[in-house]
C-alpha atoms as a PDB file:
ATOM      1  CA  MET A   1      79.776 176.544 325.526  1.00  0.00           C
ATOM      2  CA  ARG A   2      79.984 172.849 324.634  1.00  0.00           C
ATOM      3  CA  PHE A   3      83.169 170.859 325.291  1.00  0.00           C
ATOM      4  CA  ASP A   4      84.434 169.359 322.041  1.00  0.00           C
ATOM      5  CA  ARG A   5      86.013 166.113 323.238  1.00  0.00           C
ATOM      6  CA  ASP A   6      87.281 165.114 319.787  1.00  0.00           C
ATOM      7  CA  ALA A   7      89.013 168.446 319.239  1.00  0.00           C
ATOM      8  CA  HIS A   8      90.553 168.206 322.707  1.00  0.00           C
ATOM      9  CA  LEU A   9      91.844 164.698 321.953  1.00  0.00           C
ATOM     10  CA  ARG A  10      93.431 165.781 318.687  1.00  0.00           C
ATOM     11  CA  GLY A  11      95.482 168.290 320.652  1.00  0.00           C
ATOM     12  CA  CYS A  12      96.753 165.905 323.314  1.00  0.00           C
ATOM     13  CA  ARG A  13      97.068 162.424 321.812  1.00  0.00           C
ATOM     14  CA  ARG A  14     100.761 162.067 322.628  1.00  0.00           C
ATOM     15  CA  GLU A  15     100.327 163.229 326.201  1.00  0.00           C
ATOM     16  CA  LEU A  16      97.327 160.981 326.711  1.00  0.00           C
ATOM     17  CA  SER A  17      99.250 157.974 325.396  1.00  0.00           C
ATOM     18  CA  ILE A  18     102.001 158.659 327.960  1.00  0.00           C
ATOM     19  CA  LEU A  19      99.447 158.901 330.765  1.00  0.00           C
ATOM     20  CA  LEU A  20      97.616 155.721 329.749  1.00  0.00           C
ATOM     21  CA  CYS A  21     100.828 153.730 329.363  1.00  0.00           C
ATOM     22  CA  THR A  22     101.847 154.968 332.816  1.00  0.00           C
ATOM     23  CA  VAL A  23      98.535 153.632 334.164  1.00  0.00           C
ATOM     24  CA  LEU A  24      99.297 150.295 332.489  1.00  0.00           C
ATOM     25  CA  PHE A  25     102.832 150.101 333.915  1.00  0.00           C
ATOM     26  CA  ARG A  26     101.744 151.023 337.440  1.00  0.00           C
ATOM     27  CA  ALA A  27      98.831 148.584 337.414  1.00  0.00           C
ATOM     28  CA  ALA A  28     101.243 145.860 336.310  1.00  0.00           C
ATOM     29  CA  GLY A  29     103.228 146.564 339.469  1.00  0.00           C
ATOM     30  CA  LEU A  30     106.287 148.011 337.766  1.00  0.00           C
ATOM     31  CA  GLU A  31     108.468 150.112 340.048  1.00  0.00           C
ATOM     32  CA  TRP A  32     109.761 153.521 338.934  1.00  0.00           C
ATOM     33  CA  TYR A  33     113.020 152.139 337.475  1.00  0.00           C
ATOM     34  CA  GLU A  34     111.229 149.260 335.779  1.00  0.00           C
ATOM     35  CA  GLN A  35     108.908 151.797 334.181  1.00  0.00           C
ATOM     36  CA  GLY A  36     112.025 153.634 333.001  1.00  0.00           C
ATOM     37  CA  ASP A  37     113.283 150.429 331.397  1.00  0.00           C
ATOM     38  CA  ALA A  38     109.947 150.023 329.598  1.00  0.00           C
ATOM     39  CA  TRP A  39     110.075 153.623 328.347  1.00  0.00           C
ATOM     40  CA  HIS A  40     113.651 153.057 327.168  1.00  0.00           C
ATOM     41  CA  LEU A  41     112.524 150.080 325.076  1.00  0.00           C
ATOM     42  CA  ILE A  42     109.700 152.155 323.611  1.00  0.00           C
ATOM     43  CA  ALA A  43     112.084 155.038 322.828  1.00  0.00           C
ATOM     44  CA  GLN A  44     114.335 152.682 320.877  1.00  0.00           C
ATOM     45  CA  HIS A  45     111.451 152.193 318.443  1.00  0.00           C
ATOM     46  CA  ARG A  46     110.709 155.938 318.220  1.00  0.00           C
ATOM     47  CA  PRO A  47     114.060 157.762 318.207  1.00  0.00           C
ATOM     48  CA  SER A  48     114.188 161.553 318.284  1.00  0.00           C
ATOM     49  CA  PRO A  49     115.425 163.325 315.155  1.00  0.00           C
ATOM     50  CA  ALA A  50     119.226 163.653 315.163  1.00  0.00           C
ATOM     51  CA  ASP A  51     119.013 167.409 314.562  1.00  0.00           C
ATOM     52  CA  MET A  52     116.658 168.144 317.488  1.00  0.00           C
ATOM     53  CA  PRO A  53     118.057 171.046 319.545  1.00  0.00           C
ATOM     54  CA  ARG A  54     119.316 170.099 323.010  1.00  0.00           C
ATOM     55  CA  GLY A  55     117.075 172.710 324.663  1.00  0.00           C
ATOM     56  CA  ARG A  56     113.998 171.153 323.112  1.00  0.00           C
ATOM     57  CA  LEU A  57     115.050 167.684 324.303  1.00  0.00           C
ATOM     58  CA  GLU A  58     115.566 168.987 327.850  1.00  0.00           C
ATOM     59  CA  ALA A  59     112.153 170.697 327.862  1.00  0.00           C
ATOM     60  CA  MET A  60     110.518 167.559 326.512  1.00  0.00           C
ATOM     61  CA  ALA A  61     112.227 165.433 329.176  1.00  0.00           C
ATOM     62  CA  GLU A  62     110.854 167.671 331.946  1.00  0.00           C
ATOM     63  CA  SER A  63     107.343 167.580 330.459  1.00  0.00           C
ATOM     64  CA  LEU A  64     107.498 163.789 330.181  1.00  0.00           C
ATOM     65  CA  ARG A  65     108.706 163.473 333.785  1.00  0.00           C
ATOM     66  CA  LEU A  66     105.673 165.473 334.924  1.00  0.00           C
ATOM     67  CA  LEU A  67     103.303 163.309 332.868  1.00  0.00           C
ATOM     68  CA  MET A  68     104.878 160.081 334.108  1.00  0.00           C
ATOM     69  CA  SER A  69     104.599 161.156 337.746  1.00  0.00           C
ATOM     70  CA  THR A  70     100.975 162.348 337.550  1.00  0.00           C
ATOM     71  CA  ASP A  71      98.459 160.789 339.956  1.00  0.00           C
ATOM     72  CA  PHE A  72      96.280 159.073 337.373  1.00  0.00           C
ATOM     73  CA  ALA A  73      94.343 156.910 339.815  1.00  0.00           C
ATOM     74  CA  SER A  74      90.695 156.299 338.959  1.00  0.00           C
ATOM     75  CA  ASP A  75      89.649 158.767 341.642  1.00  0.00           C
ATOM     76  CA  GLY A  76      92.617 161.111 341.160  1.00  0.00           C
ATOM     77  CA  PRO A  77      92.349 164.790 340.224  1.00  0.00           C
ATOM     78  CA  PRO A  78      92.798 164.462 336.415  1.00  0.00           C
ATOM     79  CA  LEU A  79      89.933 161.975 336.080  1.00  0.00           C
ATOM     80  CA  SER A  80      87.486 163.594 338.476  1.00  0.00           C
ATOM     81  CA  GLU A  81      84.437 165.347 337.049  1.00  0.00           C
ATOM     82  CA  ILE A  82      86.067 168.732 337.636  1.00  0.00           C
ATOM     83  CA  GLY A  83      89.476 167.598 336.347  1.00  0.00           C
ATOM     84  CA  PRO A  84      90.799 168.083 332.809  1.00  0.00           C
ATOM     85  CA  LEU A  85      90.321 164.473 331.633  1.00  0.00           C
ATOM     86  CA  PRO A  86      87.077 163.039 333.017  1.00  0.00           C
ATOM     87  CA  PHE A  87      86.210 161.515 329.634  1.00  0.00           C
ATOM     88  CA  THR A  88      89.307 159.279 329.823  1.00  0.00           C
ATOM     89  CA  ALA A  89      88.361 157.570 333.096  1.00  0.00           C
ATOM     90  CA  GLU A  90      86.928 154.557 331.245  1.00  0.00           C
ATOM     91  CA  TRP A  91      90.079 154.243 329.153  1.00  0.00           C
ATOM     92  CA  ALA A  92      92.304 154.429 332.231  1.00  0.00           C
ATOM     93  CA  GLY A  93      90.156 151.744 333.853  1.00  0.00           C
ATOM     94  CA  ALA A  94      90.541 149.530 330.784  1.00  0.00           C
ATOM     95  CA  PHE A  95      94.335 149.931 330.835  1.00  0.00           C
ATOM     96  CA  HIS A  96      94.350 149.131 334.560  1.00  0.00           C
ATOM     97  CA  ARG A  97      92.233 145.999 334.055  1.00  0.00           C
ATOM     98  CA  ALA A  98      94.374 144.893 331.095  1.00  0.00           C
ATOM     99  CA  ALA A  99      97.522 145.058 333.211  1.00  0.00           C
ATOM    100  CA  HIS A 100      95.904 143.102 336.033  1.00  0.00           C
ATOM    101  CA  THR A 101      94.648 140.483 333.583  1.00  0.00           C
ATOM    102  CA  ALA A 102      98.045 140.125 331.914  1.00  0.00           C
ATOM    103  CA  VAL A 103     100.142 140.081 335.075  1.00  0.00           C
ATOM    104  CA  PHE A 104      97.934 138.694 337.793  1.00  0.00           C
ATOM    105  CA  ASN A 105      95.522 136.608 335.661  1.00  0.00           C
ATOM    106  CA  GLU A 106      92.573 138.370 337.289  1.00  0.00           C
END
């Protein structure tokens, strides 16, 4: 059975964007609370619908916390060849390099 990368990406674009932004924030040296400030600024541009049930918001918050605390290092479990996201290792590396270039002028 062949892995359909494009189909997999269509199903997890939002989650992948959270993971890659987390890589960017960590590589820029942001501490946990500074990352929270960055996410707050992002959320101001993408507010949740006013009629979203509280239970759904709470479940989403827990899912986001798990994504934001994932070990997404270049050699970490998600990016390893046996992990769920090996095809994103290059992207994660690009986000990491972009943060270092922007912050540390490397």
